[in-house]
Every structure is written in structure tokens, then in C-alpha cells.
């Protein structure tokens, strides 16, 4: 966690000398971060800004705003992430996917992030509009894999107004990616992204701590030692979490769903969902005392 003292000046993300997310994670301190979906309307944007201002005193390691399906919210995501960097003390991480972009367009997205004071990015292949199980067809003139996106971002270090180098995060999969042949293959892909210049990884959602610990072991066996943040998604809506799990290839364990048996009130669903997420975080911290968590 940050050692910032409330009331003192905090360097903005565009100022030289501020460590990247990867550098912070390698210090080994406990860390937490938050990932937001892009707001769909003015009311949602106001709600997001309220949440961001309420989070500022806690100084999370970083916050980020996701791309919509198929890269559909690119401009809104970039604009919101840049505004966070400019108008708050929070460290903002930009999302970046290969979906729907040529190589030149990806360079311009990175340029836009750098100009907005955003110097950490999460480099993802992204999913086709029909979901991660759909056949992958790269955009003409674009990139095929996330490792190429990591290489591209790393090649632009110091060339887009960034103070030194981009901080680059990538995805990791505690359970098999829907398009992968095995979890071992996923670990080798993650190791390749680390070799290409990724500084850290954020895992896909999961509900069993052993799945995360096994991911870390497989990644280390594949030769990569980058920090891997457990991605925690509290259940606040049963239908949406089932859909998210289906899209990501994640299983919602029967023992998790059993906690919601007979529950219909939304407030009670949220209470149980937060309780489950808290238990998962406790188990992760017990197994890895310096674990970092990223909450969606």
C-alpha cells in the first residue's frame, strides 16, 4: 500500500520520477487496485467519478477503465483514463487491445495515453465481438497476439513523451483460456509476454485460491517471475457473473453458487458477494502474504 500521507503533495502520473506499476509491485508490499467498466451514460459517469473521489484517500496502487467488447468503447475509455490522470491523484492504467486496430492506430492510442499523462498500459489481444471462444481474426494491418502488442509498446519507450519507459501489464489465466490448448500453454504464453517486456500480469477472474496459486507455479516453471495480481470480481448480480464466467472460460464453483440458494433480494446478493470476495482475498493473503489484488 502507498505510504502517502493525506494532505501532502502527490506527484502526478505525468511527472518524471514516479515509479511504474511494475516497479511498485516488485517492491513486494501489499497492494490493491480497481478496474472499472466504462460508463454507458452521464449518470454512470457521475457515479464513477463519485467512486473515484471516494477511493482517493485510500491511495490504491492504480485504477483502470476497461475497453468494451470488441474495442467498442475505445475513445470513451481513453478519455476517461486521461481525465483520471489529469484530475485526480490516482495512478491511471490504460487498457489497450489488438481488436479492431491497425498497428498505426495502436501507436496513436499509445500516443494519446502518453499525452494524457498515462504511462502504464494493460496490453491485451482482446476478444472478438462474439466472445473469446469465437475464432480469432486479426484486423488487416493489425497484430495477431498480445506478445506483439507488448513488443510494440516497449519499442516506443521514450518516444511518445513517456518518462523513460511504459509500464506494461498483461493478462494471465488461472483457468484455461477458451482458445488455448491447455493451462500449460497459457503459462508459456505469459512467459513469452514477460520476455517481450511485460512488467506484471493481472489474472482473469477466478473463485478458488488454489487456481491462482497453481497459475503462479506454472508461470515460474515456464521461466517468468513477473508479479501476477489476482483479479477479484465480487458477485453483485448472479446473471451477470454467470455471463462473465462463461465468456472468460472461468467456472463458478457449486459451493459458491450454493451460498446464494434461495436469495432473491439484490442487496442480499451483494452482501454475500462481497463476503465471498473478502474470504477469497483472505485466503490469497494467507497463502501469499505480499499478494496484490485487482478488484473489478
C-alpha atoms as a PDB file:
ATOM      1  CA  UNK A   1       0.000   0.000   0.000  1.00  0.00           C
ATOM      2  CA  UNK A   2       1.074   3.589  -0.520  1.00  0.00           C
ATOM      3  CA  UNK A   3       2.953   5.448   2.191  1.00  0.00           C
ATOM      4  CA  UNK A   4       1.451   8.775   1.038  1.00  0.00           C
ATOM      5  CA  UNK A   5       0.405  10.965   3.966  1.00  0.00           C
ATOM      6  CA  UNK A   6      -3.023  12.581   3.396  1.00  0.00           C
ATOM      7  CA  UNK A   7      -2.681  16.289   2.881  1.00  0.00           C
ATOM      8  CA  UNK A   8       0.779  16.155   1.331  1.00  0.00           C
ATOM      9  CA  UNK A   9       1.500  16.669  -2.344  1.00  0.00           C
ATOM     10  CA  UNK A  10       1.420  13.594  -4.514  1.00  0.00           C
ATOM     11  CA  UNK A  11       3.333  13.639  -7.816  1.00  0.00           C
ATOM     12  CA  UNK A  12       1.036  13.367 -10.790  1.00  0.00           C
ATOM     13  CA  UNK A  13       1.457  10.453 -13.184  1.00  0.00           C
ATOM     14  CA  UNK A  14       2.888  12.709 -15.880  1.00  0.00           C
ATOM     15  CA  UNK A  15       5.778  13.818 -13.682  1.00  0.00           C
ATOM     16  CA  UNK A  16       9.178  12.170 -14.187  1.00  0.00           C
ATOM     17  CA  UNK A  17      10.423  10.023 -11.347  1.00  0.00           C
ATOM     18  CA  UNK A  18       7.127   8.425 -10.438  1.00  0.00           C
ATOM     19  CA  UNK A  19       7.642   4.646 -10.384  1.00  0.00           C
ATOM     20  CA  UNK A  20       5.700   2.451 -12.789  1.00  0.00           C
ATOM     21  CA  UNK A  21       3.123  -0.043 -11.561  1.00  0.00           C
ATOM     22  CA  UNK A  22       5.549  -2.888 -12.205  1.00  0.00           C
ATOM     23  CA  UNK A  23       8.234  -1.185 -10.123  1.00  0.00           C
ATOM     24  CA  UNK A  24       5.797  -0.696  -7.259  1.00  0.00           C
ATOM     25  CA  UNK A  25       4.685  -4.328  -7.358  1.00  0.00           C
ATOM     26  CA  UNK A  26       8.250  -5.625  -7.324  1.00  0.00           C
ATOM     27  CA  UNK A  27       8.840  -3.864  -4.021  1.00  0.00           C
ATOM     28  CA  UNK A  28       6.742  -6.653  -2.526  1.00  0.00           C
ATOM     29  CA  UNK A  29       4.370  -4.531  -0.452  1.00  0.00           C
ATOM     30  CA  UNK A  30       0.719  -5.418  -0.257  1.00  0.00           C
ATOM     31  CA  UNK A  31      -1.194  -3.668  -2.974  1.00  0.00           C
ATOM     32  CA  UNK A  32      -4.721  -3.184  -4.220  1.00  0.00           C
ATOM     33  CA  UNK A  33      -6.241  -1.682  -7.336  1.00  0.00           C
ATOM     34  CA  UNK A  34      -9.599  -1.236  -9.021  1.00  0.00           C
ATOM     35  CA  UNK A  35     -10.848  -1.867 -12.547  1.00  0.00           C
ATOM     36  CA  UNK A  36     -13.976  -0.114 -13.795  1.00  0.00           C
ATOM     37  CA  UNK A  37     -16.224  -0.743 -16.758  1.00  0.00           C
ATOM     38  CA  UNK A  38     -16.663   2.354 -18.940  1.00  0.00           C
ATOM     39  CA  UNK A  39     -19.848   4.258 -18.045  1.00  0.00           C
ATOM     40  CA  UNK A  40     -22.676   3.994 -20.566  1.00  0.00           C
ATOM     41  CA  UNK A  41     -24.267   7.394 -19.940  1.00  0.00           C
ATOM     42  CA  UNK A  42     -23.944  10.658 -17.999  1.00  0.00           C
ATOM     43  CA  UNK A  43     -25.449   9.150 -14.858  1.00  0.00           C
ATOM     44  CA  UNK A  44     -22.951   6.295 -14.964  1.00  0.00           C
ATOM     45  CA  UNK A  45     -20.075   8.718 -15.470  1.00  0.00           C
ATOM     46  CA  UNK A  46     -21.167  10.749 -12.462  1.00  0.00           C
ATOM     47  CA  UNK A  47     -21.365   7.576 -10.386  1.00  0.00           C
ATOM     48  CA  UNK A  48     -17.866   6.571 -11.492  1.00  0.00           C
ATOM     49  CA  UNK A  49     -16.417   9.955 -10.545  1.00  0.00           C
ATOM     50  CA  UNK A  50     -18.065   9.753  -7.146  1.00  0.00           C
ATOM     51  CA  UNK A  51     -16.449   6.355  -6.597  1.00  0.00           C
ATOM     52  CA  UNK A  52     -13.040   7.610  -7.762  1.00  0.00           C
ATOM     53  CA  UNK A  53     -13.094  10.583  -5.417  1.00  0.00           C
ATOM     54  CA  UNK A  54     -14.128   8.337  -2.523  1.00  0.00           C
ATOM     55  CA  UNK A  55     -11.209   5.993  -3.308  1.00  0.00           C
ATOM     56  CA  UNK A  56      -8.550   8.726  -3.489  1.00  0.00           C
ATOM     57  CA  UNK A  57      -7.811   8.891   0.275  1.00  0.00           C
ATOM     58  CA  UNK A  58      -7.004   5.146   0.249  1.00  0.00           C
ATOM     59  CA  UNK A  59      -4.362   5.589  -2.493  1.00  0.00           C
ATOM     60  CA  UNK A  60      -4.786   2.332  -4.426  1.00  0.00           C
ATOM     61  CA  UNK A  61      -1.768   1.284  -6.461  1.00  0.00           C
ATOM     62  CA  UNK A  62      -3.679   2.059  -9.646  1.00  0.00           C
ATOM     63  CA  UNK A  63      -7.120   2.231 -11.232  1.00  0.00           C
ATOM     64  CA  UNK A  64      -8.145   1.422 -14.803  1.00  0.00           C
ATOM     65  CA  UNK A  65     -11.104   1.597 -17.173  1.00  0.00           C
ATOM     66  CA  UNK A  66     -11.708  -1.345 -19.491  1.00  0.00           C
ATOM     67  CA  UNK A  67     -12.388  -1.437 -23.219  1.00  0.00           C
ATOM     68  CA  UNK A  68     -15.866  -2.544 -24.239  1.00  0.00           C
ATOM     69  CA  UNK A  69     -16.422  -5.741 -26.203  1.00  0.00           C
ATOM     70  CA  UNK A  70     -14.502  -5.695 -29.457  1.00  0.00           C
ATOM     71  CA  UNK A  71     -12.843  -2.399 -28.544  1.00  0.00           C
ATOM     72  CA  UNK A  72     -16.206  -0.637 -28.840  1.00  0.00           C
ATOM     73  CA  UNK A  73     -15.563   1.980 -26.137  1.00  0.00           C
ATOM     74  CA  UNK A  74     -12.018   2.918 -27.143  1.00  0.00           C
ATOM     75  CA  UNK A  75     -12.436   6.702 -27.300  1.00  0.00           C
ATOM     76  CA  UNK A  76     -14.515   6.842 -24.131  1.00  0.00           C
ATOM     77  CA  UNK A  77     -12.033   4.631 -22.283  1.00  0.00           C
ATOM     78  CA  UNK A  78      -9.025   6.715 -23.354  1.00  0.00           C
ATOM     79  CA  UNK A  79     -10.797   9.945 -22.461  1.00  0.00           C
ATOM     80  CA  UNK A  80     -11.871   8.719 -19.043  1.00  0.00           C
ATOM     81  CA  UNK A  81      -8.431   7.263 -18.230  1.00  0.00           C
ATOM     82  CA  UNK A  82      -6.725  10.506 -19.249  1.00  0.00           C
ATOM     83  CA  UNK A  83      -9.132  12.527 -17.131  1.00  0.00           C
ATOM     84  CA  UNK A  84      -8.335  10.366 -14.102  1.00  0.00           C
ATOM     85  CA  UNK A  85      -4.631  11.024 -14.674  1.00  0.00           C
ATOM     86  CA  UNK A  86      -5.172  14.783 -15.008  1.00  0.00           C
ATOM     87  CA  UNK A  87      -7.770  15.473 -12.350  1.00  0.00           C
ATOM     88  CA  UNK A  88      -7.035  13.057  -9.507  1.00  0.00           C
ATOM     89  CA  UNK A  89      -4.039  11.839  -7.530  1.00  0.00           C
ATOM     90  CA  UNK A  90      -4.769   8.266  -8.652  1.00  0.00           C
ATOM     91  CA  UNK A  91      -2.367   6.399 -10.930  1.00  0.00           C
ATOM     92  CA  UNK A  92      -4.326   5.520 -14.064  1.00  0.00           C
ATOM     93  CA  UNK A  93      -3.538   2.489 -16.213  1.00  0.00           C
ATOM     94  CA  UNK A  94      -4.741   2.477 -19.820  1.00  0.00           C
ATOM     95  CA  UNK A  95      -6.287  -0.550 -21.487  1.00  0.00           C
ATOM     96  CA  UNK A  96      -5.170  -1.436 -24.989  1.00  0.00           C
ATOM     97  CA  UNK A  97      -6.341  -4.283 -27.234  1.00  0.00           C
ATOM     98  CA  UNK A  98      -5.482  -5.512 -30.708  1.00  0.00           C
ATOM     99  CA  UNK A  99      -9.167  -5.829 -31.638  1.00  0.00           C
ATOM    100  CA  UNK A 100     -10.188  -3.566 -34.500  1.00  0.00           C
ATOM    101  CA  UNK A 101      -6.886  -1.662 -34.660  1.00  0.00           C
ATOM    102  CA  UNK A 102      -4.102  -1.482 -37.207  1.00  0.00           C
ATOM    103  CA  UNK A 103      -0.537  -1.196 -35.970  1.00  0.00           C
ATOM    104  CA  UNK A 104      -0.561   2.518 -36.774  1.00  0.00           C
ATOM    105  CA  UNK A 105      -3.789   3.034 -34.820  1.00  0.00           C
ATOM    106  CA  UNK A 106      -2.303   1.264 -31.816  1.00  0.00           C
ATOM    107  CA  UNK A 107       0.665   3.637 -31.916  1.00  0.00           C
ATOM    108  CA  UNK A 108      -1.790   6.557 -31.909  1.00  0.00           C
ATOM    109  CA  UNK A 109      -3.654   5.108 -28.917  1.00  0.00           C
ATOM    110  CA  UNK A 110      -0.364   4.837 -27.032  1.00  0.00           C
ATOM    111  CA  UNK A 111       0.470   8.383 -28.092  1.00  0.00           C
ATOM    112  CA  UNK A 112      -2.906   9.587 -26.774  1.00  0.00           C
ATOM    113  CA  UNK A 113      -2.321   7.861 -23.439  1.00  0.00           C
ATOM    114  CA  UNK A 114       1.161   9.367 -23.127  1.00  0.00           C
ATOM    115  CA  UNK A 115      -0.136  12.847 -23.966  1.00  0.00           C
ATOM    116  CA  UNK A 116      -2.775  12.475 -21.247  1.00  0.00           C
ATOM    117  CA  UNK A 117      -0.154  11.557 -18.648  1.00  0.00           C
ATOM    118  CA  UNK A 118      -0.917   7.830 -18.659  1.00  0.00           C
ATOM    119  CA  UNK A 119       2.330   5.848 -18.701  1.00  0.00           C
ATOM    120  CA  UNK A 120       1.145   2.386 -17.670  1.00  0.00           C
ATOM    121  CA  UNK A 121      -0.900   0.213 -20.026  1.00  0.00           C
ATOM    122  CA  UNK A 122      -2.540  -3.205 -19.926  1.00  0.00           C
ATOM    123  CA  UNK A 123      -1.703  -4.812 -23.277  1.00  0.00           C
ATOM    124  CA  UNK A 124      -4.314  -7.379 -24.344  1.00  0.00           C
ATOM    125  CA  UNK A 125      -5.092  -9.248 -27.513  1.00  0.00           C
ATOM    126  CA  UNK A 126      -8.740  -8.683 -26.701  1.00  0.00           C
ATOM    127  CA  UNK A 127     -11.730 -10.836 -27.564  1.00  0.00           C
ATOM    128  CA  UNK A 128     -13.708 -10.986 -30.795  1.00  0.00           C
ATOM    129  CA  UNK A 129     -17.113  -9.290 -30.628  1.00  0.00           C
ATOM    130  CA  UNK A 130     -18.715 -12.760 -30.396  1.00  0.00           C
ATOM    131  CA  UNK A 131     -16.680 -13.679 -27.321  1.00  0.00           C
ATOM    132  CA  UNK A 132     -13.332 -15.320 -26.518  1.00  0.00           C
ATOM    133  CA  UNK A 133     -14.419 -18.719 -27.831  1.00  0.00           C
ATOM    134  CA  UNK A 134     -15.105 -17.296 -31.298  1.00  0.00           C
ATOM    135  CA  UNK A 135     -12.418 -17.739 -33.984  1.00  0.00           C
ATOM    136  CA  UNK A 136      -9.780 -15.004 -33.842  1.00  0.00           C
ATOM    137  CA  UNK A 137      -9.323 -12.967 -36.999  1.00  0.00           C
ATOM    138  CA  UNK A 138      -6.755 -10.173 -36.724  1.00  0.00           C
ATOM    139  CA  UNK A 139      -7.541  -6.778 -38.178  1.00  0.00           C
ATOM    140  CA  UNK A 140      -5.895  -6.211 -41.554  1.00  0.00           C
ATOM    141  CA  UNK A 141      -2.668  -4.352 -40.844  1.00  0.00           C
ATOM    142  CA  UNK A 142      -3.005  -5.195 -37.153  1.00  0.00           C
ATOM    143  CA  UNK A 143      -1.405  -7.580 -34.682  1.00  0.00           C
ATOM    144  CA  UNK A 144      -2.093 -11.257 -34.092  1.00  0.00           C
ATOM    145  CA  UNK A 145      -1.113 -11.727 -30.451  1.00  0.00           C
ATOM    146  CA  UNK A 146      -0.685  -9.797 -27.212  1.00  0.00           C
ATOM    147  CA  UNK A 147       3.054 -10.501 -27.235  1.00  0.00           C
ATOM    148  CA  UNK A 148       3.314  -8.378 -30.402  1.00  0.00           C
ATOM    149  CA  UNK A 149       1.457  -5.569 -28.637  1.00  0.00           C
ATOM    150  CA  UNK A 150       3.920  -5.760 -25.738  1.00  0.00           C
ATOM    151  CA  UNK A 151       6.805  -5.570 -28.210  1.00  0.00           C
ATOM    152  CA  UNK A 152       5.214  -2.566 -29.925  1.00  0.00           C
ATOM    153  CA  UNK A 153       4.634  -0.658 -26.688  1.00  0.00           C
ATOM    154  CA  UNK A 154       8.150  -1.450 -25.475  1.00  0.00           C
ATOM    155  CA  UNK A 155       9.639  -0.253 -28.774  1.00  0.00           C
ATOM    156  CA  UNK A 156       8.080   3.178 -28.180  1.00  0.00           C
ATOM    157  CA  UNK A 157       9.765   3.776 -24.818  1.00  0.00           C
ATOM    158  CA  UNK A 158      10.939   7.360 -24.585  1.00  0.00           C
ATOM    159  CA  UNK A 159       9.477   8.248 -27.980  1.00  0.00           C
ATOM    160  CA  UNK A 160       5.959   9.387 -27.036  1.00  0.00           C
ATOM    161  CA  UNK A 161       6.630  11.732 -24.155  1.00  0.00           C
ATOM    162  CA  UNK A 162       6.802   8.997 -21.533  1.00  0.00           C
ATOM    163  CA  UNK A 163       9.282   9.499 -18.683  1.00  0.00           C
ATOM    164  CA  UNK A 164      11.616   6.651 -19.597  1.00  0.00           C
ATOM    165  CA  UNK A 165       9.581   3.555 -20.406  1.00  0.00           C
ATOM    166  CA  UNK A 166       5.975   2.435 -20.461  1.00  0.00           C
ATOM    167  CA  UNK A 167       4.872   0.242 -17.584  1.00  0.00           C
ATOM    168  CA  UNK A 168       3.241  -2.751 -19.289  1.00  0.00           C
ATOM    169  CA  UNK A 169       0.792  -5.208 -17.785  1.00  0.00           C
ATOM    170  CA  UNK A 170      -0.673  -8.289 -19.477  1.00  0.00           C
ATOM    171  CA  UNK A 171      -3.382 -10.880 -18.859  1.00  0.00           C
ATOM    172  CA  UNK A 172      -2.937 -14.187 -17.035  1.00  0.00           C
ATOM    173  CA  UNK A 173      -5.367 -17.104 -16.831  1.00  0.00           C
ATOM    174  CA  UNK A 174      -5.846 -19.194 -13.662  1.00  0.00           C
ATOM    175  CA  UNK A 175      -8.168 -21.434 -15.684  1.00  0.00           C
ATOM    176  CA  UNK A 176      -7.608 -22.338 -19.322  1.00  0.00           C
ATOM    177  CA  UNK A 177      -8.243 -19.564 -21.819  1.00  0.00           C
ATOM    178  CA  UNK A 178     -11.186 -20.624 -24.030  1.00  0.00           C
ATOM    179  CA  UNK A 179      -8.949 -20.544 -27.116  1.00  0.00           C
ATOM    180  CA  UNK A 180      -5.988 -22.337 -25.548  1.00  0.00           C
ATOM    181  CA  UNK A 181      -4.968 -25.978 -25.705  1.00  0.00           C
ATOM    182  CA  UNK A 182      -4.003 -26.187 -22.012  1.00  0.00           C
ATOM    183  CA  UNK A 183      -3.158 -24.188 -18.893  1.00  0.00           C
ATOM    184  CA  UNK A 184       0.488 -25.090 -19.506  1.00  0.00           C
ATOM    185  CA  UNK A 185       0.261 -23.429 -22.908  1.00  0.00           C
ATOM    186  CA  UNK A 186      -1.218 -20.337 -21.234  1.00  0.00           C
ATOM    187  CA  UNK A 187       1.765 -20.242 -18.867  1.00  0.00           C
ATOM    188  CA  UNK A 188       4.205 -20.407 -21.771  1.00  0.00           C
ATOM    189  CA  UNK A 189       2.374 -17.545 -23.482  1.00  0.00           C
ATOM    190  CA  UNK A 190       2.596 -15.478 -20.298  1.00  0.00           C
ATOM    191  CA  UNK A 191       6.323 -16.211 -20.079  1.00  0.00           C
ATOM    192  CA  UNK A 192       6.733 -15.063 -23.693  1.00  0.00           C
ATOM    193  CA  UNK A 193       4.954 -11.796 -22.883  1.00  0.00           C
ATOM    194  CA  UNK A 194       7.284 -11.288 -19.925  1.00  0.00           C
ATOM    195  CA  UNK A 195      10.302 -11.930 -22.163  1.00  0.00           C
ATOM    196  CA  UNK A 196       8.944  -9.365 -24.623  1.00  0.00           C
ATOM    197  CA  UNK A 197       8.932  -6.692 -21.932  1.00  0.00           C
ATOM    198  CA  UNK A 198       5.808  -7.066 -19.780  1.00  0.00           C
ATOM    199  CA  UNK A 199       6.344  -5.918 -16.196  1.00  0.00           C
ATOM    200  CA  UNK A 200       3.408  -7.598 -14.454  1.00  0.00           C
ATOM    201  CA  UNK A 201       0.204  -9.520 -15.112  1.00  0.00           C
ATOM    202  CA  UNK A 202      -3.395  -9.267 -13.927  1.00  0.00           C
ATOM    203  CA  UNK A 203      -5.304 -12.516 -13.762  1.00  0.00           C
ATOM    204  CA  UNK A 204      -8.709 -13.262 -15.199  1.00  0.00           C
ATOM    205  CA  UNK A 205     -11.427 -13.624 -12.570  1.00  0.00           C
ATOM    206  CA  UNK A 206     -11.479 -16.829 -10.512  1.00  0.00           C
ATOM    207  CA  UNK A 207     -13.183 -18.069  -7.355  1.00  0.00           C
ATOM    208  CA  UNK A 208     -10.793 -20.687  -5.921  1.00  0.00           C
ATOM    209  CA  UNK A 209      -7.477 -19.553  -4.382  1.00  0.00           C
ATOM    210  CA  UNK A 210      -5.764 -22.791  -5.431  1.00  0.00           C
ATOM    211  CA  UNK A 211      -6.356 -21.853  -9.087  1.00  0.00           C
ATOM    212  CA  UNK A 212      -4.320 -18.680  -8.563  1.00  0.00           C
ATOM    213  CA  UNK A 213      -1.500 -20.407  -6.699  1.00  0.00           C
ATOM    214  CA  UNK A 214      -1.291 -23.061  -9.430  1.00  0.00           C
ATOM    215  CA  UNK A 215      -1.075 -20.304 -12.054  1.00  0.00           C
ATOM    216  CA  UNK A 216       1.875 -18.744 -10.260  1.00  0.00           C
ATOM    217  CA  UNK A 217       3.644 -22.110 -10.024  1.00  0.00           C
ATOM    218  CA  UNK A 218       3.116 -22.848 -13.737  1.00  0.00           C
ATOM    219  CA  UNK A 219       4.367 -19.396 -14.709  1.00  0.00           C
ATOM    220  CA  UNK A 220       7.516 -19.738 -12.599  1.00  0.00           C
ATOM    221  CA  UNK A 221       8.133 -23.195 -14.076  1.00  0.00           C
ATOM    222  CA  UNK A 222       7.828 -21.620 -17.539  1.00  0.00           C
ATOM    223  CA  UNK A 223      10.631 -19.218 -16.665  1.00  0.00           C
ATOM    224  CA  UNK A 224       8.827 -15.959 -15.814  1.00  0.00           C
ATOM    225  CA  UNK A 225       8.977 -14.223 -12.436  1.00  0.00           C
ATOM    226  CA  UNK A 226       6.816 -11.153 -13.077  1.00  0.00           C
ATOM    227  CA  UNK A 227       4.288 -10.216 -10.361  1.00  0.00           C
ATOM    228  CA  UNK A 228       0.812 -11.653 -11.024  1.00  0.00           C
ATOM    229  CA  UNK A 229      -2.103  -9.759  -9.499  1.00  0.00           C
ATOM    230  CA  UNK A 230      -5.130 -11.871  -8.577  1.00  0.00           C
ATOM    231  CA  UNK A 231      -8.176 -10.454 -10.363  1.00  0.00           C
ATOM    232  CA  UNK A 232     -11.118 -10.470  -7.939  1.00  0.00           C
ATOM    233  CA  UNK A 233     -14.645  -9.787  -9.141  1.00  0.00           C
ATOM    234  CA  UNK A 234     -17.199  -9.547  -6.320  1.00  0.00           C
ATOM    235  CA  UNK A 235     -20.527 -11.087  -7.274  1.00  0.00           C
ATOM    236  CA  UNK A 236     -23.150  -8.341  -7.257  1.00  0.00           C
ATOM    237  CA  UNK A 237     -25.507  -9.804  -9.849  1.00  0.00           C
ATOM    238  CA  UNK A 238     -25.904 -13.546 -10.385  1.00  0.00           C
ATOM    239  CA  UNK A 239     -26.887 -13.350 -14.049  1.00  0.00           C
ATOM    240  CA  UNK A 240     -24.010 -11.065 -14.996  1.00  0.00           C
ATOM    241  CA  UNK A 241     -21.371 -13.079 -13.141  1.00  0.00           C
ATOM    242  CA  UNK A 242     -22.550 -16.272 -14.857  1.00  0.00           C
ATOM    243  CA  UNK A 243     -22.236 -14.484 -18.188  1.00  0.00           C
ATOM    244  CA  UNK A 244     -18.766 -13.127 -17.347  1.00  0.00           C
ATOM    245  CA  UNK A 245     -17.601 -16.567 -16.243  1.00  0.00           C
ATOM    246  CA  UNK A 246     -18.955 -18.156 -19.417  1.00  0.00           C
ATOM    247  CA  UNK A 247     -17.180 -15.622 -21.610  1.00  0.00           C
ATOM    248  CA  UNK A 248     -13.868 -15.974 -19.784  1.00  0.00           C
ATOM    249  CA  UNK A 249     -13.891 -19.750 -19.503  1.00  0.00           C
ATOM    250  CA  UNK A 250     -13.997 -19.500 -15.716  1.00  0.00           C
ATOM    251  CA  UNK A 251     -16.096 -21.888 -13.647  1.00  0.00           C
ATOM    252  CA  UNK A 252     -18.289 -20.628 -10.828  1.00  0.00           C
ATOM    253  CA  UNK A 253     -17.910 -23.453  -8.282  1.00  0.00           C
ATOM    254  CA  UNK A 254     -21.035 -25.161  -6.995  1.00  0.00           C
ATOM    255  CA  UNK A 255     -20.091 -24.278  -3.425  1.00  0.00           C
ATOM    256  CA  UNK A 256     -20.043 -20.596  -4.392  1.00  0.00           C
ATOM    257  CA  UNK A 257     -23.451 -20.719  -6.054  1.00  0.00           C
ATOM    258  CA  UNK A 258     -24.839 -22.649  -3.076  1.00  0.00           C
ATOM    259  CA  UNK A 259     -24.266 -19.573  -0.904  1.00  0.00           C
ATOM    260  CA  UNK A 260     -26.978 -17.834  -2.943  1.00  0.00           C
ATOM    261  CA  UNK A 261     -29.606 -20.578  -2.685  1.00  0.00           C
ATOM    262  CA  UNK A 262     -32.984 -19.006  -2.019  1.00  0.00           C
ATOM    263  CA  UNK A 263     -31.601 -15.453  -2.192  1.00  0.00           C
ATOM    264  CA  UNK A 264     -33.589 -13.051  -4.365  1.00  0.00           C
ATOM    265  CA  UNK A 265     -33.084  -9.608  -2.843  1.00  0.00           C
ATOM    266  CA  UNK A 266     -30.369  -7.647  -4.738  1.00  0.00           C
ATOM    267  CA  UNK A 267     -28.975  -6.179  -1.517  1.00  0.00           C
ATOM    268  CA  UNK A 268     -28.522  -9.656  -0.035  1.00  0.00           C
ATOM    269  CA  UNK A 269     -26.868 -10.895  -3.241  1.00  0.00           C
ATOM    270  CA  UNK A 270     -24.393  -8.019  -2.992  1.00  0.00           C
ATOM    271  CA  UNK A 271     -23.746  -8.701   0.702  1.00  0.00           C
ATOM    272  CA  UNK A 272     -22.973 -12.366   0.075  1.00  0.00           C
ATOM    273  CA  UNK A 273     -20.907 -11.496  -2.995  1.00  0.00           C
ATOM    274  CA  UNK A 274     -18.722  -9.076  -1.031  1.00  0.00           C
ATOM    275  CA  UNK A 275     -18.424 -11.656   1.762  1.00  0.00           C
ATOM    276  CA  UNK A 276     -17.192 -14.278  -0.720  1.00  0.00           C
ATOM    277  CA  UNK A 277     -14.701 -11.860  -2.274  1.00  0.00           C
ATOM    278  CA  UNK A 278     -13.381 -10.969   1.182  1.00  0.00           C
ATOM    279  CA  UNK A 279     -12.925 -14.644   2.036  1.00  0.00           C
ATOM    280  CA  UNK A 280     -11.069 -15.182  -1.243  1.00  0.00           C
ATOM    281  CA  UNK A 281      -8.747 -12.239  -0.540  1.00  0.00           C
ATOM    282  CA  UNK A 282      -8.083 -13.542   2.971  1.00  0.00           C
ATOM    283  CA  UNK A 283      -7.134 -16.957   1.560  1.00  0.00           C
ATOM    284  CA  UNK A 284      -4.845 -15.380  -1.030  1.00  0.00           C
ATOM    285  CA  UNK A 285      -3.099 -13.231   1.557  1.00  0.00           C
ATOM    286  CA  UNK A 286      -2.696 -16.201   3.891  1.00  0.00           C
ATOM    287  CA  UNK A 287      -1.047 -18.196   1.104  1.00  0.00           C
ATOM    288  CA  UNK A 288       0.980 -15.291  -0.287  1.00  0.00           C
ATOM    289  CA  UNK A 289       1.390 -12.629   2.415  1.00  0.00           C
ATOM    290  CA  UNK A 290       2.514  -9.988  -0.081  1.00  0.00           C
ATOM    291  CA  UNK A 291      -0.215 -10.707  -2.614  1.00  0.00           C
ATOM    292  CA  UNK A 292      -1.616  -7.849  -4.659  1.00  0.00           C
ATOM    293  CA  UNK A 293      -5.273  -7.764  -5.600  1.00  0.00           C
ATOM    294  CA  UNK A 294      -7.026  -6.117  -8.514  1.00  0.00           C
ATOM    295  CA  UNK A 295     -10.781  -5.753  -7.949  1.00  0.00           C
ATOM    296  CA  UNK A 296     -13.246  -5.380 -10.771  1.00  0.00           C
END
